[in-house]
C-alpha atoms as a PDB file:
ATOM      1  CA  MET A   1      14.070 -96.137  19.451  1.00  0.00           C
ATOM      2  CA  GLU A   2      15.795 -93.415  17.451  1.00  0.00           C
ATOM      3  CA  LYS A   3      18.750 -94.655  15.455  1.00  0.00           C
ATOM      4  CA  GLY A   4      22.178 -93.178  16.112  1.00  0.00           C
ATOM      5  CA  LEU A   5      24.694 -92.144  13.492  1.00  0.00           C
ATOM      6  CA  ALA A   6      26.075 -94.520  10.909  1.00  0.00           C
ATOM      7  CA  ILE A   7      29.594 -93.512   9.883  1.00  0.00           C
ATOM      8  CA  ILE A   8      31.094 -95.027   6.729  1.00  0.00           C
ATOM      9  CA  THR A   9      34.683 -94.351   5.700  1.00  0.00           C
ATOM     10  CA  GLY A  10      35.398 -94.434   1.983  1.00  0.00           C
ATOM     11  CA  ALA A  11      31.657 -93.958   1.470  1.00  0.00           C
ATOM     12  CA  ASP A  12      32.136 -92.662  -2.066  1.00  0.00           C
ATOM     13  CA  GLY A  13      33.973 -95.795  -3.231  1.00  0.00           C
ATOM     14  CA  GLY A  14      32.541 -98.815  -4.984  1.00  0.00           C
ATOM     15  CA  MET A  15      31.501-100.769  -1.873  1.00  0.00           C
ATOM     16  CA  GLY A  16      31.197 -97.667   0.293  1.00  0.00           C
ATOM     17  CA  GLN A  17      28.318 -96.213  -1.666  1.00  0.00           C
ATOM     18  CA  VAL A  18      26.465 -99.546  -1.559  1.00  0.00           C
ATOM     19  CA  ILE A  19      26.903 -99.711   2.223  1.00  0.00           C
ATOM     20  CA  THR A  20      25.826 -96.072   2.555  1.00  0.00           C
ATOM     21  CA  ALA A  21      22.637 -96.672   0.587  1.00  0.00           C
ATOM     22  CA  ALA A  22      21.788 -99.797   2.601  1.00  0.00           C
ATOM     23  CA  LEU A  23      22.125 -98.029   5.955  1.00  0.00           C
ATOM     24  CA  ALA A  24      20.294 -94.953   4.655  1.00  0.00           C
ATOM     25  CA  LYS A  25      17.369 -97.160   3.562  1.00  0.00           C
ATOM     26  CA  GLU A  26      17.156 -98.456   7.133  1.00  0.00           C
ATOM     27  CA  GLY A  27      16.684 -94.909   8.369  1.00  0.00           C
ATOM     28  CA  TYR A  28      20.084 -94.245   9.919  1.00  0.00           C
ATOM     29  CA  PRO A  29      21.396 -90.690   9.818  1.00  0.00           C
ATOM     30  CA  VAL A  30      24.584 -91.195   7.816  1.00  0.00           C
ATOM     31  CA  ILE A  31      27.949 -89.491   7.742  1.00  0.00           C
ATOM     32  CA  MET A  32      29.875 -90.246   4.568  1.00  0.00           C
ATOM     33  CA  ALA A  33      33.499 -89.908   5.679  1.00  0.00           C
ATOM     34  CA  CYS A  34      35.427 -89.197   2.480  1.00  0.00           C
ATOM     35  CA  LEU A  35      38.739 -87.815   1.322  1.00  0.00           C
ATOM     36  CA  ASP A  36      37.137 -85.650  -1.382  1.00  0.00           C
ATOM     37  CA  PRO A  37      33.812 -84.146  -0.203  1.00  0.00           C
ATOM     38  CA  GLU A  38      33.205 -82.361  -3.501  1.00  0.00           C
ATOM     39  CA  LYS A  39      33.386 -85.649  -5.384  1.00  0.00           C
ATOM     40  CA  ALA A  40      31.067 -87.285  -2.837  1.00  0.00           C
ATOM     41  CA  ALA A  41      28.454 -84.501  -2.847  1.00  0.00           C
ATOM     42  CA  SER A  42      26.629 -85.622  -5.995  1.00  0.00           C
ATOM     43  CA  LEU A  43      26.631 -89.211  -4.772  1.00  0.00           C
ATOM     44  CA  CYS A  44      25.175 -88.057  -1.461  1.00  0.00           C
ATOM     45  CA  ASN A  45      22.367 -86.259  -3.285  1.00  0.00           C
ATOM     46  CA  ARG A  46      21.617 -89.317  -5.398  1.00  0.00           C
ATOM     47  CA  ILE A  47      21.422 -91.620  -2.364  1.00  0.00           C
ATOM     48  CA  GLN A  48      19.142 -89.129  -0.609  1.00  0.00           C
ATOM     49  CA  GLN A  49      16.792 -89.171  -3.588  1.00  0.00           C
ATOM     50  CA  GLU A  50      16.866 -92.954  -3.988  1.00  0.00           C
ATOM     51  CA  THR A  51      16.328 -93.767  -0.313  1.00  0.00           C
ATOM     52  CA  GLY A  52      14.172 -90.824   0.768  1.00  0.00           C
ATOM     53  CA  ASN A  53      16.598 -90.299   3.651  1.00  0.00           C
ATOM     54  CA  THR A  54      17.665 -86.662   3.834  1.00  0.00           C
ATOM     55  CA  GLN A  55      19.811 -87.215   6.917  1.00  0.00           C
ATOM     56  CA  ILE A  56      22.951 -87.954   4.911  1.00  0.00           C
ATOM     57  CA  GLU A  57      25.936 -85.666   4.965  1.00  0.00           C
ATOM     58  CA  VAL A  58      29.508 -85.707   3.721  1.00  0.00           C
ATOM     59  CA  ARG A  59      32.459 -84.901   5.961  1.00  0.00           C
ATOM     60  CA  ARG A  60      36.109 -84.868   5.035  1.00  0.00           C
ATOM     61  CA  ILE A  61      38.588 -87.280   6.542  1.00  0.00           C
ATOM     62  CA  ASP A  62      42.085 -88.120   5.343  1.00  0.00           C
ATOM     63  CA  LEU A  63      43.092 -91.471   6.808  1.00  0.00           C
ATOM     64  CA  ALA A  64      46.709 -90.769   5.848  1.00  0.00           C
ATOM     65  CA  SER A  65      46.735 -87.887   8.356  1.00  0.00           C
ATOM     66  CA  LEU A  66      46.319 -88.420  12.087  1.00  0.00           C
ATOM     67  CA  SER A  67      45.464 -84.738  12.557  1.00  0.00           C
ATOM     68  CA  SER A  68      42.632 -85.096  10.026  1.00  0.00           C
ATOM     69  CA  VAL A  69      41.250 -88.112  11.899  1.00  0.00           C
ATOM     70  CA  ASN A  70      41.611 -86.204  15.159  1.00  0.00           C
ATOM     71  CA  ASN A  71      39.684 -83.231  13.744  1.00  0.00           C
ATOM     72  CA  PHE A  72      36.953 -85.527  12.442  1.00  0.00           C
ATOM     73  CA  THR A  73      36.456 -87.334  15.742  1.00  0.00           C
ATOM     74  CA  GLY A  74      36.856 -84.126  17.755  1.00  0.00           C
ATOM     75  CA  GLN A  75      33.916 -82.542  15.963  1.00  0.00           C
ATOM     76  CA  LEU A  76      31.729 -85.592  16.561  1.00  0.00           C
ATOM     77  CA  LEU A  77      32.673 -85.740  20.231  1.00  0.00           C
ATOM     78  CA  LYS A  78      31.833 -82.046  20.553  1.00  0.00           C
ATOM     79  CA  GLU A  79      28.407 -82.660  18.990  1.00  0.00           C
ATOM     80  CA  GLY A  80      27.791 -85.641  21.259  1.00  0.00           C
ATOM     81  CA  ARG A  81      25.495 -87.506  18.885  1.00  0.00           C
ATOM     82  CA  PRO A  82      25.306 -91.268  19.593  1.00  0.00           C
ATOM     83  CA  VAL A  83      26.951 -93.602  17.068  1.00  0.00           C
ATOM     84  CA  SER A  84      25.074 -96.797  16.189  1.00  0.00           C
ATOM     85  CA  ARG A  85      27.208 -98.075  13.300  1.00  0.00           C
ATOM     86  CA  LEU A  86      30.854 -97.518  12.424  1.00  0.00           C
ATOM     87  CA  MET A  87      31.888 -99.011   9.090  1.00  0.00           C
ATOM     88  CA  ASN A  88      35.665 -98.907   8.658  1.00  0.00           C
ATOM     89  CA  ASN A  89      35.365 -99.574   4.941  1.00  0.00           C
ATOM     90  CA  ALA A  90      38.093 -97.435   3.354  1.00  0.00           C
ATOM     91  CA  GLY A  91      41.316 -99.053   2.199  1.00  0.00           C
ATOM     92  CA  ILE A  92      44.108 -98.539  -0.297  1.00  0.00           C
ATOM     93  CA  LEU A  93      46.580-100.644  -2.239  1.00  0.00           C
ATOM     94  CA  THR A  94      49.232 -98.379  -3.750  1.00  0.00           C
ATOM     95  CA  THR A  95      52.336 -99.243  -5.709  1.00  0.00           C
ATOM     96  CA  PRO A  96      55.111 -96.864  -4.556  1.00  0.00           C
ATOM     97  CA  VAL A  97      56.246 -96.637  -0.945  1.00  0.00           C
ATOM     98  CA  ARG A  98      55.041 -93.343   0.528  1.00  0.00           C
ATOM     99  CA  LYS A  99      55.381 -91.924   4.008  1.00  0.00           C
ATOM    100  CA  THR A 100      52.663 -89.818   5.602  1.00  0.00           C
ATOM    101  CA  GLU A 101      53.219 -86.543   7.427  1.00  0.00           C
ATOM    102  CA  ASP A 102      53.258 -88.660  10.609  1.00  0.00           C
ATOM    103  CA  GLY A 103      56.122 -90.862   9.397  1.00  0.00           C
ATOM    104  CA  LEU A 104      53.889 -93.892   8.773  1.00  0.00           C
ATOM    105  CA  GLU A 105      53.779 -95.945   5.610  1.00  0.00           C
ATOM    106  CA  THR A 106      50.639 -94.743   3.810  1.00  0.00           C
ATOM    107  CA  ILE A 107      48.951 -98.138   3.383  1.00  0.00           C
ATOM    108  CA  VAL A 108      49.562 -98.856   7.077  1.00  0.00           C
ATOM    109  CA  SER A 109      48.047 -95.514   8.093  1.00  0.00           C
ATOM    110  CA  VAL A 110      44.928 -95.780   5.924  1.00  0.00           C
ATOM    111  CA  ASN A 111      44.216 -99.486   6.385  1.00  0.00           C
ATOM    112  CA  TYR A 112      45.113 -99.933  10.048  1.00  0.00           C
ATOM    113  CA  VAL A 113      46.312 -97.033  12.219  1.00  0.00           C
ATOM    114  CA  ALA A 114      43.556 -94.576  11.244  1.00  0.00           C
ATOM    115  CA  PRO A 115      40.697 -97.104  11.665  1.00  0.00           C
ATOM    116  CA  TYR A 116      42.172 -98.091  15.042  1.00  0.00           C
ATOM    117  CA  MET A 117      42.336 -94.436  16.111  1.00  0.00           C
ATOM    118  CA  LEU A 118      38.918 -93.553  14.703  1.00  0.00           C
ATOM    119  CA  THR A 119      37.277 -96.458  16.504  1.00  0.00           C
ATOM    120  CA  ARG A 120      39.004 -95.857  19.826  1.00  0.00           C
ATOM    121  CA  GLN A 121      38.198 -92.147  19.838  1.00  0.00           C
ATOM    122  CA  LEU A 122      34.521 -92.671  19.010  1.00  0.00           C
ATOM    123  CA  LEU A 123      33.887 -95.316  21.680  1.00  0.00           C
ATOM    124  CA  PRO A 124      32.506 -92.735  24.157  1.00  0.00           C
ATOM    125  CA  LEU A 125      29.660 -92.089  21.687  1.00  0.00           C
ATOM    126  CA  MET A 126      28.745 -95.767  21.363  1.00  0.00           C
ATOM    127  CA  GLN A 127      25.935 -97.316  23.376  1.00  0.00           C
ATOM    128  CA  PRO A 128      24.876-100.965  23.827  1.00  0.00           C
ATOM    129  CA  GLY A 129      23.696-102.293  20.480  1.00  0.00           C
ATOM    130  CA  CYS A 130      26.301-100.387  18.491  1.00  0.00           C
ATOM    131  CA  ARG A 131      28.065-102.400  15.801  1.00  0.00           C
ATOM    132  CA  ILE A 132      31.542-101.798  14.394  1.00  0.00           C
ATOM    133  CA  VAL A 133      32.476-103.474  11.103  1.00  0.00           C
ATOM    134  CA  ASN A 134      36.058-103.558   9.846  1.00  0.00           C
ATOM    135  CA  THR A 135      36.740-104.460   6.224  1.00  0.00           C
ATOM    136  CA  VAL A 136      39.630-106.912   6.015  1.00  0.00           C
ATOM    137  CA  SER A 137      40.737-109.233   3.221  1.00  0.00           C
ATOM    138  CA  CYS A 138      41.437-112.907   2.670  1.00  0.00           C
ATOM    139  CA  THR A 139      45.083-111.874   2.353  1.00  0.00           C
ATOM    140  CA  TYR A 140      45.285-111.501   6.148  1.00  0.00           C
ATOM    141  CA  ALA A 141      46.204-115.194   6.135  1.00  0.00           C
ATOM    142  CA  ILE A 142      49.629-114.385   4.664  1.00  0.00           C
ATOM    143  CA  GLY A 143      50.120-111.239   6.727  1.00  0.00           C
ATOM    144  CA  ARG A 144      52.926-110.703   9.233  1.00  0.00           C
ATOM    145  CA  ILE A 145      53.550-108.069  11.877  1.00  0.00           C
ATOM    146  CA  GLU A 146      57.227-107.214  11.507  1.00  0.00           C
ATOM    147  CA  PRO A 147      59.465-104.681  13.317  1.00  0.00           C
ATOM    148  CA  ASP A 148      59.206-102.154  10.476  1.00  0.00           C
ATOM    149  CA  PHE A 149      55.420-102.474  10.219  1.00  0.00           C
ATOM    150  CA  PHE A 150      54.467 -98.884  11.040  1.00  0.00           C
ATOM    151  CA  GLU A 151      57.189 -97.105   9.064  1.00  0.00           C
ATOM    152  CA  LYS A 152      57.704 -99.419   6.078  1.00  0.00           C
ATOM    153  CA  GLY A 153      54.906-101.948   6.165  1.00  0.00           C
ATOM    154  CA  ARG A 154      57.342-104.850   6.055  1.00  0.00           C
ATOM    155  CA  ASN A 155      60.988-105.756   6.365  1.00  0.00           C
ATOM    156  CA  GLY A 156      63.124-105.565   3.239  1.00  0.00           C
ATOM    157  CA  ARG A 157      61.965-104.265  -0.112  1.00  0.00           C
ATOM    158  CA  PHE A 158      58.513-102.704  -0.496  1.00  0.00           C
ATOM    159  CA  PHE A 159      55.984-104.949  -2.210  1.00  0.00           C
ATOM    160  CA  ARG A 160      52.404-103.734  -2.144  1.00  0.00           C
ATOM    161  CA  ILE A 161      50.603-107.076  -1.714  1.00  0.00           C
ATOM    162  CA  PRO A 162      52.576-108.188   1.392  1.00  0.00           C
ATOM    163  CA  VAL A 163      52.213-104.725   2.951  1.00  0.00           C
ATOM    164  CA  TYR A 164      48.469-104.752   2.234  1.00  0.00           C
ATOM    165  CA  SER A 165      48.209-108.251   3.716  1.00  0.00           C
ATOM    166  CA  ASN A 166      50.063-107.131   6.838  1.00  0.00           C
ATOM    167  CA  THR A 167      47.636-104.250   7.371  1.00  0.00           C
ATOM    168  CA  LYS A 168      44.619-106.503   6.986  1.00  0.00           C
ATOM    169  CA  LEU A 169      46.044-108.955   9.512  1.00  0.00           C
ATOM    170  CA  ALA A 170      46.628-106.039  11.882  1.00  0.00           C
ATOM    171  CA  LEU A 171      43.033-104.854  11.452  1.00  0.00           C
ATOM    172  CA  LEU A 172      41.704-108.352  12.136  1.00  0.00           C
ATOM    173  CA  LEU A 173      43.860-108.646  15.272  1.00  0.00           C
ATOM    174  CA  PHE A 174      42.531-105.263  16.420  1.00  0.00           C
ATOM    175  CA  THR A 175      38.993-106.536  15.809  1.00  0.00           C
ATOM    176  CA  GLN A 176      39.615-109.578  17.980  1.00  0.00           C
ATOM    177  CA  GLU A 177      41.382-107.677  20.746  1.00  0.00           C
ATOM    178  CA  LEU A 178      38.796-104.906  20.998  1.00  0.00           C
ATOM    179  CA  ALA A 179      36.007-107.493  21.021  1.00  0.00           C
ATOM    180  CA  GLU A 180      37.567-109.028  24.134  1.00  0.00           C
ATOM    181  CA  ARG A 181      37.834-105.628  25.803  1.00  0.00           C
ATOM    182  CA  LEU A 182      34.218-104.695  24.967  1.00  0.00           C
ATOM    183  CA  GLN A 183      32.605-108.052  25.710  1.00  0.00           C
ATOM    184  CA  ASN A 184      30.576-106.751  28.660  1.00  0.00           C
ATOM    185  CA  GLN A 185      29.548-103.423  27.139  1.00  0.00           C
ATOM    186  CA  GLY A 186      27.036-104.537  24.510  1.00  0.00           C
ATOM    187  CA  ILE A 187      29.129-103.121  21.644  1.00  0.00           C
ATOM    188  CA  THR A 188      30.136-105.589  18.945  1.00  0.00           C
ATOM    189  CA  ILE A 189      33.018-105.449  16.502  1.00  0.00           C
ATOM    190  CA  ASN A 190      33.452-107.867  13.623  1.00  0.00           C
ATOM    191  CA  ALA A 191      35.462-108.156  10.427  1.00  0.00           C
ATOM    192  CA  SER A 192      34.105-108.413   6.901  1.00  0.00           C
ATOM    193  CA  ASP A 193      36.092-110.134   4.152  1.00  0.00           C
ATOM    194  CA  PRO A 194      34.496-108.941   0.903  1.00  0.00           C
ATOM    195  CA  GLY A 195      36.565-111.209  -1.332  1.00  0.00           C
ATOM    196  CA  ILE A 196      38.191-109.836  -4.472  1.00  0.00           C
ATOM    197  CA  VAL A 197      35.991-107.012  -5.704  1.00  0.00           C
ATOM    198  CA  SER A 198      35.976-105.106  -8.979  1.00  0.00           C
ATOM    199  CA  THR A 199      36.818-101.625  -7.697  1.00  0.00           C
ATOM    200  CA  ASN A 200      39.454 -99.031  -8.531  1.00  0.00           C
ATOM    201  CA  MET A 201      41.757-100.721  -6.017  1.00  0.00           C
ATOM    202  CA  ILE A 202      42.391-103.475  -8.545  1.00  0.00           C
ATOM    203  CA  THR A 203      44.337-100.946 -10.625  1.00  0.00           C
ATOM    204  CA  MET A 204      47.938-101.315  -9.475  1.00  0.00           C
ATOM    205  CA  GLN A 205      49.563 -98.634 -11.643  1.00  0.00           C
ATOM    206  CA  ALA A 206      51.594-101.422 -13.216  1.00  0.00           C
ATOM    207  CA  TRP A 207      52.262-102.651 -16.748  1.00  0.00           C
ATOM    208  CA  PHE A 208      49.951-105.666 -16.394  1.00  0.00           C
ATOM    209  CA  ASP A 209      46.806-103.678 -15.547  1.00  0.00           C
ATOM    210  CA  PRO A 210      45.309-103.984 -19.066  1.00  0.00           C
ATOM    211  CA  LEU A 211      45.752-107.755 -18.849  1.00  0.00           C
ATOM    212  CA  THR A 212      44.131-107.750 -15.410  1.00  0.00           C
ATOM    213  CA  ASP A 213      41.071-105.984 -16.788  1.00  0.00           C
ATOM    214  CA  ILE A 214      40.721-108.376 -19.728  1.00  0.00           C
ATOM    215  CA  LEU A 215      41.475-111.696 -18.012  1.00  0.00           C
ATOM    216  CA  PHE A 216      40.632-111.231 -14.347  1.00  0.00           C
ATOM    217  CA  ARG A 217      38.042-108.538 -13.659  1.00  0.00           C
ATOM    218  CA  PRO A 218      35.063-110.339 -15.320  1.00  0.00           C
ATOM    219  CA  PHE A 219      35.370-113.178 -12.793  1.00  0.00           C
ATOM    220  CA  ILE A 220      35.527-111.219  -9.558  1.00  0.00           C
ATOM    221  CA  LYS A 221      32.773-109.770  -7.387  1.00  0.00           C
ATOM    222  CA  THR A 222      30.784-106.648  -8.133  1.00  0.00           C
ATOM    223  CA  PRO A 223      30.768-103.887  -5.470  1.00  0.00           C
ATOM    224  CA  VAL A 224      27.226-104.938  -4.528  1.00  0.00           C
ATOM    225  CA  GLN A 225      28.386-108.514  -3.947  1.00  0.00           C
ATOM    226  CA  GLY A 226      31.473-107.347  -2.096  1.00  0.00           C
ATOM    227  CA  ALA A 227      29.510-105.047   0.217  1.00  0.00           C
ATOM    228  CA  ALA A 228      26.941-107.709   1.134  1.00  0.00           C
ATOM    229  CA  THR A 229      28.922-109.149   4.049  1.00  0.00           C
ATOM    230  CA  ALA A 230      29.541-105.767   5.697  1.00  0.00           C
ATOM    231  CA  ILE A 231      25.851-104.930   5.321  1.00  0.00           C
ATOM    232  CA  HIS A 232      24.922-108.297   6.835  1.00  0.00           C
ATOM    233  CA  LEU A 233      27.110-107.590   9.861  1.00  0.00           C
ATOM    234  CA  ALA A 234      25.644-104.104  10.211  1.00  0.00           C
ATOM    235  CA  LEU A 235      21.970-104.966   9.883  1.00  0.00           C
ATOM    236  CA  SER A 236      21.115-108.644  10.259  1.00  0.00           C
ATOM    237  CA  ASP A 237      19.623-110.221  13.360  1.00  0.00           C
ATOM    238  CA  GLU A 238      21.936-113.205  12.885  1.00  0.00           C
ATOM    239  CA  ALA A 239      24.997-111.044  13.499  1.00  0.00           C
ATOM    240  CA  LYS A 240      23.695-108.834  16.315  1.00  0.00           C
ATOM    241  CA  ASP A 241      25.291-110.919  19.087  1.00  0.00           C
ATOM    242  CA  ARG A 242      28.437-111.902  17.209  1.00  0.00           C
ATOM    243  CA  ASN A 243      31.664-110.398  18.484  1.00  0.00           C
ATOM    244  CA  GLY A 244      35.263-110.687  17.333  1.00  0.00           C
ATOM    245  CA  CYS A 245      34.328-112.794  14.307  1.00  0.00           C
ATOM    246  CA  CYS A 246      35.366-112.698  10.682  1.00  0.00           C
ATOM    247  CA  TYR A 247      32.647-113.112   8.059  1.00  0.00           C
ATOM    248  CA  ALA A 248      32.846-113.887   4.348  1.00  0.00           C
ATOM    249  CA  ASN A 249      29.914-114.346   1.956  1.00  0.00           C
ATOM    250  CA  CYS A 250      27.621-113.353   4.853  1.00  0.00           C
ATOM    251  CA  LYS A 251      28.701-116.372   6.901  1.00  0.00           C
ATOM    252  CA  LYS A 252      30.999-116.749   9.888  1.00  0.00           C
ATOM    253  CA  ARG A 253      34.434-117.892   8.771  1.00  0.00           C
ATOM    254  CA  ASN A 254      36.454-120.435  10.683  1.00  0.00           C
ATOM    255  CA  VAL A 255      39.620-118.465  11.372  1.00  0.00           C
ATOM    256  CA  SER A 256      42.733-120.565  12.036  1.00  0.00           C
ATOM    257  CA  GLU A 257      43.950-121.048  15.596  1.00  0.00           C
ATOM    258  CA  ARG A 258      47.128-119.178  14.686  1.00  0.00           C
ATOM    259  CA  ILE A 259      45.087-116.076  13.908  1.00  0.00           C
ATOM    260  CA  ARG A 260      42.482-116.520  16.652  1.00  0.00           C
ATOM    261  CA  HIS A 261      45.232-116.720  19.269  1.00  0.00           C
ATOM    262  CA  HIS A 262      47.907-114.742  17.490  1.00  0.00           C
ATOM    263  CA  ALA A 263      51.055-114.329  19.549  1.00  0.00           C
ATOM    264  CA  GLN A 264      51.356-110.637  18.664  1.00  0.00           C
ATOM    265  CA  GLN A 265      47.748-109.528  19.123  1.00  0.00           C
ATOM    266  CA  LYS A 266      48.116-107.831  22.510  1.00  0.00           C
ATOM    267  CA  GLN A 267      51.597-106.529  21.677  1.00  0.00           C
ATOM    268  CA  LEU A 268      50.271-104.891  18.519  1.00  0.00           C
ATOM    269  CA  TRP A 269      47.576-103.145  20.591  1.00  0.00           C
ATOM    270  CA  ASP A 270      50.211-101.886  23.037  1.00  0.00           C
ATOM    271  CA  ASP A 271      52.572-100.786  20.266  1.00  0.00           C
ATOM    272  CA  THR A 272      49.781 -98.891  18.516  1.00  0.00           C
ATOM    273  CA  GLU A 273      48.795 -97.166  21.746  1.00  0.00           C
ATOM    274  CA  ILE A 274      52.414 -96.114  22.348  1.00  0.00           C
ATOM    275  CA  LEU A 275      52.789 -94.885  18.774  1.00  0.00           C
ATOM    276  CA  LEU A 276      49.658 -92.749  18.960  1.00  0.00           C
ATOM    277  CA  ARG A 277      50.585 -91.320  22.345  1.00  0.00           C
ATOM    278  CA  GLN A 278      53.947 -90.330  20.892  1.00  0.00           C
ATOM    279  CA  LYS A 279      52.043 -88.522  18.125  1.00  0.00           C
ATOM    280  CA  GLY A 280      50.026 -86.611  20.713  1.00  0.00           C
ATOM    281  CA  ILE A 281      46.828 -88.635  20.322  1.00  0.00           C
ATOM    282  CA  ARG A 282      44.787 -89.323  23.440  1.00  0.00           C
ATOM    283  CA  PHE A 283      41.791 -91.554  24.097  1.00  0.00           C
END
């Protein structure tokens, strides 16, 4: 059977390019969804040469802009090509608080709202057997969904790690909730925790970055190691029937009861739907 599209956000990043190459090797036509297509073009050419797969293209998407996501999905819906894999891989961890053109905190938009919107809008293109993989983080365990989540990321002062953790919890709760809603449709959605990976995200734009590079970076995962779990969820037979799970090191993680049955899971879904409707987004 002909393979449908594989869409990878942040495909030009450290883990993204590893995931792209893995799916390309399996013969999927790939869309590298990137913020900077010019930067990604040479990488696309290299992966084409290495894998022999010429069905790889780069398309622009800015996850800090709902209109950009809407344009991206609108074009795909117009083309009507089936989607077999959606890898919500992109993520950011920035130091200063920044608001997007939509009034969202930037980390919240990129790490949670945009992947939610992208996934929901592309569902009409997904057939039984499609797999969705969301990249989360072990920091979801300390995450909280607070009243100022969408606009500020957290209550009180802005601190990047708690805001990042909150977005990763939100993405995991979305994974679990959508899995419940899709359980009879043959579409699976799971979360990948890559661990702490040596990518550009580790740079915090802070005074201690040189110390981080010297003392910390040699002991954390390479992008290849970090991407392994997402690739496992996308391609392995073991994961084909899994739904609503969180994986780490290519194995199913035992998520705490507090997270598995989080009190705010359905409310977060409803709040996100309301927010996007207010922004003129429809599903």
